[in-house]
Amino acid sequence: MTLPPRFIRLSCSQCEGSETLPWEDFLTRLRGSGKFRRNHAPTWEEVASIVEISSEATGCCPTCGLAWTSAAPWTPLDDFESHRRCDVCESIIDAERLEALPETDLCRECASQGGSKADYCPLCGAVTRWDRRTVGNRYRQCCDACGWAG
C-alpha cells in the first residue's frame, strides 16, 4: 500500500492561483461535502478516481472566486531537495547520516531495528506485526488497528 501524499495543491486555471493543503485538511473538506465518510484512510488513487473538483467539495479560489479546477499531490521544493524522509517512519534522516550513507532510505532508529520496511494492513493501512499461529511454527501478519490477520 502506498502512503498518501503529505500535501495537495489546488489550482485555478482562470487566474493561475493555488492553495496548498495538508492531506488531512483536504480529506476534511471532502468529508464535509459528503465524500469519503466511510473510508477512513483513502489513498490518493481512490481520491483522484472518485472526486470531481467542485466548489462544494474543495472551495473556491480566493482570487477570482471560481471553483478550483485541479488537485494534485505536491511536495515542497525545499523539503524535497534538502531533506529525505525515512521509508519506514517518515521522520527526516539526519544530514550527517546522508553524508556518510548517501543511498540510505532509513533513519538511524529504523536501521538499528532491523532495517526492513514496514508491512501495511491491506484493509486500514496501519503497520502490521508478525504473530505466531497457534498450530505449528508458522507466522502470520496481524493488524492491531482493525483485527485483520493474513
Protein backbone atom coordinates (compact mmCIF):
# COMPACT_ATOMS: atom_id res chain seq x y z
CA MET A 1 0.00 0.00 0.00
CA THR A 2 1.34 3.40 -0.89
CA LEU A 3 1.26 6.20 1.59
CA PRO A 4 -0.94 9.20 0.78
CA PRO A 5 0.76 12.44 -0.26
CA ARG A 6 1.66 14.87 2.51
CA PHE A 7 0.20 17.87 0.68
CA ILE A 8 -2.39 18.57 -2.01
CA ARG A 9 -2.16 21.60 -4.29
CA LEU A 10 -5.46 23.01 -5.58
CA SER A 11 -5.07 25.08 -8.75
CA CYS A 12 -7.22 27.58 -10.65
CA SER A 13 -6.80 27.69 -14.43
CA GLN A 14 -8.56 31.07 -14.69
CA CYS A 15 -6.22 33.21 -12.57
CA GLU A 16 -3.45 30.62 -12.02
CA GLY A 17 -3.94 30.89 -8.26
CA SER A 18 -3.24 27.95 -5.99
CA GLU A 19 -3.76 26.74 -2.44
CA THR A 20 -1.76 24.04 -0.68
CA LEU A 21 -3.37 21.90 1.99
CA PRO A 22 -2.08 19.10 4.21
CA TRP A 23 -3.63 15.74 3.23
CA GLU A 24 -5.81 15.54 6.36
CA ASP A 25 -7.22 19.05 5.79
CA PHE A 26 -8.06 18.13 2.19
CA LEU A 27 -9.89 14.98 3.38
CA THR A 28 -11.77 17.07 5.98
CA ARG A 29 -13.06 19.32 3.19
CA LEU A 30 -14.14 16.32 1.12
CA ARG A 31 -15.88 14.68 4.07
CA GLY A 32 -17.67 17.95 4.79
CA SER A 33 -19.22 17.75 1.32
CA GLY A 34 -20.34 14.12 1.79
CA LYS A 35 -17.42 12.28 0.19
CA PHE A 36 -15.32 9.56 1.85
CA ARG A 37 -17.34 9.35 5.04
CA ARG A 38 -16.96 5.57 5.32
CA ASN A 39 -13.40 5.26 4.04
CA HIS A 40 -11.22 6.48 6.91
CA ALA A 41 -7.91 6.17 5.07
CA PRO A 42 -8.38 6.63 1.30
CA THR A 43 -5.31 6.58 -0.94
CA TRP A 44 -4.57 9.32 -3.44
CA GLU A 45 -5.59 6.94 -6.25
CA GLU A 46 -9.04 6.49 -4.68
CA VAL A 47 -9.47 10.22 -4.16
CA ALA A 48 -8.34 11.07 -7.70
CA SER A 49 -10.62 8.47 -9.30
CA ILE A 50 -13.77 9.44 -7.38
CA VAL A 51 -13.57 13.12 -6.51
CA GLU A 52 -14.65 15.64 -9.09
CA ILE A 53 -13.24 19.03 -8.27
CA SER A 54 -16.18 21.22 -7.36
CA SER A 55 -16.70 24.27 -5.19
CA GLU A 56 -18.86 22.33 -2.73
CA ALA A 57 -16.09 19.79 -2.11
CA THR A 58 -12.93 21.88 -2.21
CA GLY A 59 -13.97 25.52 -2.04
CA CYS A 60 -13.24 28.38 -4.41
CA CYS A 61 -10.17 30.29 -5.48
CA PRO A 62 -9.91 33.35 -3.19
CA THR A 63 -8.53 35.49 -6.03
CA CYS A 64 -11.18 35.05 -8.74
CA GLY A 65 -13.97 33.26 -6.83
CA LEU A 66 -14.27 30.36 -9.29
CA ALA A 67 -14.10 26.69 -8.30
CA TRP A 68 -10.68 25.05 -8.19
CA THR A 69 -10.03 23.25 -11.50
CA SER A 70 -7.43 20.68 -10.41
CA ALA A 71 -5.98 18.94 -7.39
CA ALA A 72 -2.63 17.13 -7.37
CA PRO A 73 -0.13 15.73 -4.85
CA TRP A 74 2.53 18.30 -4.00
CA THR A 75 5.95 18.19 -2.33
CA PRO A 76 7.58 21.41 -1.12
CA LEU A 77 10.79 22.01 -3.08
CA ASP A 78 12.88 22.83 -0.03
CA ASP A 79 11.69 19.64 1.69
CA PHE A 80 12.32 17.56 -1.44
CA GLU A 81 15.80 18.92 -2.12
CA SER A 82 17.31 19.31 1.33
CA HIS A 83 15.62 16.58 3.38
CA ARG A 84 14.97 12.93 2.80
CA ARG A 85 12.42 11.03 4.83
CA CYS A 86 12.74 7.54 6.25
CA ASP A 87 10.78 4.92 4.28
CA VAL A 88 9.51 3.30 7.49
CA CYS A 89 8.65 6.08 9.98
CA GLU A 90 8.77 9.13 7.66
CA SER A 91 11.00 11.12 10.01
CA ILE A 92 13.70 13.30 8.43
CA ILE A 93 17.01 11.47 8.01
CA ASP A 94 19.91 13.31 9.67
CA ALA A 95 22.20 15.24 7.32
CA GLU A 96 25.26 13.52 8.86
CA ARG A 97 23.77 10.10 8.08
CA LEU A 98 23.02 11.12 4.48
CA GLU A 99 26.54 12.46 4.09
CA ALA A 100 28.02 9.19 5.31
CA LEU A 101 25.47 6.93 3.54
CA PRO A 102 24.05 8.88 0.58
CA GLU A 103 21.94 5.95 -0.71
CA THR A 104 20.20 5.16 2.58
CA ASP A 105 16.40 5.21 2.83
CA LEU A 106 16.21 4.59 6.59
CA CYS A 107 16.79 6.81 9.61
CA ARG A 108 19.23 5.74 12.31
CA GLU A 109 16.50 4.34 14.60
CA CYS A 110 14.78 2.24 11.92
CA ALA A 111 18.09 0.95 10.60
CA SER A 112 19.05 -0.18 14.11
CA GLN A 113 15.74 -2.07 14.44
CA GLY A 114 16.47 -4.38 11.54
CA GLY A 115 16.32 -2.08 8.58
CA SER A 116 13.27 -3.58 6.93
CA LYS A 117 10.40 -1.56 5.60
CA ALA A 118 7.14 -1.91 7.47
CA ASP A 119 4.32 -4.02 6.09
CA TYR A 120 0.94 -2.36 5.95
CA CYS A 121 -2.56 -3.74 6.51
CA PRO A 122 -4.48 -4.12 3.22
CA LEU A 123 -7.72 -3.02 4.94
CA CYS A 124 -6.82 0.02 7.04
CA GLY A 125 -3.21 0.85 6.12
CA ALA A 126 -1.81 0.54 9.67
CA VAL A 127 1.58 -1.08 10.28
CA THR A 128 1.20 -4.82 10.86
CA ARG A 129 3.08 -7.13 13.18
CA TRP A 130 4.07 -10.77 12.82
CA ASP A 131 2.23 -13.17 15.12
CA ARG A 132 2.84 -16.86 15.69
CA ARG A 133 -0.08 -19.08 14.72
CA THR A 134 -1.48 -21.47 17.29
CA VAL A 135 -0.61 -24.54 15.21
CA GLY A 136 2.97 -25.24 14.21
CA ASN A 137 5.78 -22.76 13.82
CA ARG A 138 4.16 -20.62 11.15
CA TYR A 139 3.78 -16.89 11.41
CA ARG A 140 1.11 -14.56 10.04
CA GLN A 141 0.68 -10.84 9.74
CA CYS A 142 -1.80 -9.22 12.12
CA CYS A 143 -3.18 -5.73 12.35
CA ASP A 144 -3.91 -4.39 15.83
CA ALA A 145 -5.91 -1.46 14.46
CA CYS A 146 -8.64 -3.36 12.60
CA GLY A 147 -8.12 -7.00 13.65
CA TRP A 148 -7.11 -8.29 10.21
CA ALA A 149 -5.00 -11.46 10.14
CA GLY A 150 -3.39 -12.72 6.95
